[in-house]
Amino acid sequence: MEKVIHCRDVGYDCDGVIRAKSEEEALQMAAEHAKSIHGLEEVTREVVEKIKSVMREEPPGAG
């Protein structure tokens, strides 16, 4: 199962979707996306918890 994060679910008006093989990889990719696309300077513990709360598991290639 892939870990999937829809940026819109985190609260951004963004159609970005992150797909990764592990939670750690998904969180890293989400942090990079938040910094480069949304200008977030720091990914706080609260942001990480929000991302984890909306992270889904889907079969590879489901999206």
N, C-alpha and C. Protein backbone atom coordinates (compact mmCIF):
# COMPACT_ATOMS: atom_id res chain seq x y z
N MET A 1 0.84 -1.18 0.00
CA MET A 1 0.00 0.00 0.00
C MET A 1 0.89 1.25 0.00
N GLU A 2 0.46 2.23 -0.76
CA GLU A 2 1.16 3.51 -0.79
C GLU A 2 0.56 4.45 0.25
N LYS A 3 1.40 5.33 0.75
CA LYS A 3 0.94 6.41 1.61
C LYS A 3 0.61 7.57 0.67
N VAL A 4 -0.59 8.15 0.83
CA VAL A 4 -1.05 9.19 -0.08
C VAL A 4 -1.51 10.40 0.73
N ILE A 5 -1.05 11.58 0.30
CA ILE A 5 -1.45 12.83 0.94
C ILE A 5 -1.99 13.74 -0.15
N HIS A 6 -3.21 14.21 0.03
CA HIS A 6 -3.79 15.20 -0.87
C HIS A 6 -3.60 16.56 -0.19
N CYS A 7 -2.91 17.45 -0.85
CA CYS A 7 -2.58 18.75 -0.27
C CYS A 7 -3.85 19.48 0.18
N ARG A 8 -4.89 19.37 -0.60
CA ARG A 8 -6.15 20.04 -0.27
C ARG A 8 -6.68 19.57 1.09
N ASP A 9 -6.44 18.30 1.44
CA ASP A 9 -6.90 17.76 2.73
C ASP A 9 -6.16 18.39 3.91
N VAL A 10 -4.97 18.91 3.64
CA VAL A 10 -4.19 19.56 4.70
C VAL A 10 -4.66 20.99 4.91
N GLY A 11 -5.40 21.53 3.94
CA GLY A 11 -5.96 22.87 4.10
C GLY A 11 -5.52 23.87 3.06
N TYR A 12 -4.75 23.42 2.08
CA TYR A 12 -4.29 24.31 1.02
C TYR A 12 -5.20 24.21 -0.20
N ASP A 13 -5.33 25.31 -0.93
CA ASP A 13 -6.07 25.31 -2.19
C ASP A 13 -5.10 24.84 -3.27
N CYS A 14 -4.85 23.54 -3.29
CA CYS A 14 -3.80 22.96 -4.13
C CYS A 14 -4.22 21.55 -4.50
N ASP A 15 -4.03 21.20 -5.76
CA ASP A 15 -4.38 19.87 -6.23
C ASP A 15 -3.22 18.88 -6.11
N GLY A 16 -2.16 19.26 -5.40
CA GLY A 16 -1.00 18.39 -5.25
C GLY A 16 -1.34 17.09 -4.53
N VAL A 17 -0.74 16.00 -5.01
CA VAL A 17 -0.92 14.69 -4.38
C VAL A 17 0.46 14.06 -4.23
N ILE A 18 0.76 13.59 -3.05
CA ILE A 18 2.03 12.94 -2.77
C ILE A 18 1.77 11.46 -2.58
N ARG A 19 2.57 10.65 -3.25
CA ARG A 19 2.49 9.19 -3.12
C ARG A 19 3.87 8.68 -2.76
N ALA A 20 3.93 7.86 -1.73
CA ALA A 20 5.22 7.35 -1.27
C ALA A 20 5.03 5.93 -0.74
N LYS A 21 6.15 5.22 -0.62
CA LYS A 21 6.12 3.83 -0.15
C LYS A 21 6.07 3.74 1.37
N SER A 22 6.50 4.82 2.06
CA SER A 22 6.51 4.78 3.53
C SER A 22 6.00 6.11 4.07
N GLU A 23 5.60 6.08 5.34
CA GLU A 23 5.15 7.31 5.99
C GLU A 23 6.29 8.32 6.05
N GLU A 24 7.48 7.86 6.38
CA GLU A 24 8.63 8.75 6.47
C GLU A 24 8.90 9.46 5.14
N GLU A 25 8.88 8.70 4.05
CA GLU A 25 9.10 9.28 2.73
C GLU A 25 7.98 10.27 2.38
N ALA A 26 6.74 9.93 2.69
CA ALA A 26 5.62 10.81 2.41
C ALA A 26 5.74 12.12 3.18
N LEU A 27 6.12 12.03 4.45
CA LEU A 27 6.26 13.24 5.26
C LEU A 27 7.40 14.12 4.74
N GLN A 28 8.48 13.50 4.31
CA GLN A 28 9.60 14.27 3.76
C GLN A 28 9.17 14.98 2.47
N MET A 29 8.47 14.27 1.61
CA MET A 29 8.01 14.86 0.36
C MET A 29 7.00 15.98 0.63
N ALA A 30 6.14 15.78 1.62
CA ALA A 30 5.15 16.81 1.97
C ALA A 30 5.84 18.06 2.50
N ALA A 31 6.88 17.88 3.31
CA ALA A 31 7.62 19.03 3.83
C ALA A 31 8.29 19.80 2.71
N GLU A 32 8.90 19.09 1.77
CA GLU A 32 9.53 19.75 0.63
C GLU A 32 8.51 20.50 -0.21
N HIS A 33 7.34 19.89 -0.43
CA HIS A 33 6.27 20.52 -1.20
C HIS A 33 5.79 21.79 -0.48
N ALA A 34 5.56 21.68 0.82
CA ALA A 34 5.08 22.82 1.60
C ALA A 34 6.05 24.00 1.54
N LYS A 35 7.33 23.69 1.60
CA LYS A 35 8.34 24.76 1.56
C LYS A 35 8.48 25.36 0.18
N SER A 36 8.56 24.52 -0.85
CA SER A 36 8.83 25.04 -2.20
C SER A 36 7.59 25.61 -2.88
N ILE A 37 6.43 25.03 -2.66
CA ILE A 37 5.22 25.47 -3.35
C ILE A 37 4.43 26.48 -2.52
N HIS A 38 4.34 26.26 -1.22
CA HIS A 38 3.50 27.10 -0.37
C HIS A 38 4.28 28.10 0.48
N GLY A 39 5.60 28.09 0.36
CA GLY A 39 6.42 29.06 1.08
C GLY A 39 6.47 28.87 2.58
N LEU A 40 6.14 27.68 3.04
CA LEU A 40 6.19 27.41 4.47
C LEU A 40 7.66 27.40 4.91
N GLU A 41 8.01 28.22 5.86
CA GLU A 41 9.40 28.32 6.29
C GLU A 41 9.81 27.19 7.21
N GLU A 42 8.87 26.74 8.03
CA GLU A 42 9.17 25.69 8.99
C GLU A 42 8.01 24.72 9.06
N VAL A 43 8.31 23.44 9.04
CA VAL A 43 7.29 22.42 9.19
C VAL A 43 7.25 22.04 10.67
N THR A 44 6.27 22.57 11.36
CA THR A 44 6.17 22.37 12.81
C THR A 44 5.57 21.00 13.12
N ARG A 45 5.64 20.65 14.37
CA ARG A 45 5.05 19.38 14.83
C ARG A 45 3.55 19.37 14.55
N GLU A 46 2.90 20.53 14.69
CA GLU A 46 1.47 20.62 14.43
C GLU A 46 1.15 20.34 12.96
N VAL A 47 1.99 20.84 12.06
CA VAL A 47 1.81 20.60 10.64
C VAL A 47 1.99 19.11 10.34
N VAL A 48 3.01 18.51 10.92
CA VAL A 48 3.26 17.08 10.72
C VAL A 48 2.06 16.27 11.21
N GLU A 49 1.51 16.60 12.37
CA GLU A 49 0.37 15.88 12.90
C GLU A 49 -0.85 16.04 11.99
N LYS A 50 -1.06 17.23 11.44
CA LYS A 50 -2.16 17.45 10.50
C LYS A 50 -1.98 16.58 9.26
N ILE A 51 -0.76 16.55 8.73
CA ILE A 51 -0.48 15.74 7.55
C ILE A 51 -0.74 14.26 7.85
N LYS A 52 -0.27 13.79 9.00
CA LYS A 52 -0.48 12.39 9.37
C LYS A 52 -1.97 12.08 9.49
N SER A 53 -2.75 13.04 9.97
CA SER A 53 -4.18 12.79 10.19
C SER A 53 -4.95 12.64 8.89
N VAL A 54 -4.42 13.18 7.79
CA VAL A 54 -5.13 13.08 6.50
C VAL A 54 -4.47 12.08 5.56
N MET A 55 -3.35 11.48 5.97
CA MET A 55 -2.65 10.52 5.13
C MET A 55 -3.51 9.27 4.95
N ARG A 56 -3.58 8.79 3.72
CA ARG A 56 -4.38 7.60 3.41
C ARG A 56 -3.46 6.49 2.92
N GLU A 57 -3.99 5.30 2.91
CA GLU A 57 -3.28 4.17 2.29
C GLU A 57 -4.11 3.73 1.09
N GLU A 58 -3.44 3.60 -0.04
CA GLU A 58 -4.10 3.16 -1.27
C GLU A 58 -3.20 2.15 -1.96
N PRO A 59 -3.80 1.26 -2.74
CA PRO A 59 -2.97 0.35 -3.53
C PRO A 59 -2.13 1.14 -4.53
N PRO A 60 -0.92 0.70 -4.84
CA PRO A 60 -0.09 1.40 -5.82
C PRO A 60 -0.85 1.58 -7.14
N GLY A 61 -0.74 2.79 -7.69
CA GLY A 61 -1.36 3.10 -8.97
C GLY A 61 -2.86 3.37 -8.88
N ALA A 62 -3.40 3.49 -7.67
CA ALA A 62 -4.85 3.70 -7.54
C ALA A 62 -5.27 5.11 -7.92
N GLY A 63 -4.34 6.03 -7.92
CA GLY A 63 -4.73 7.41 -8.17
C GLY A 63 -4.32 7.81 -9.49
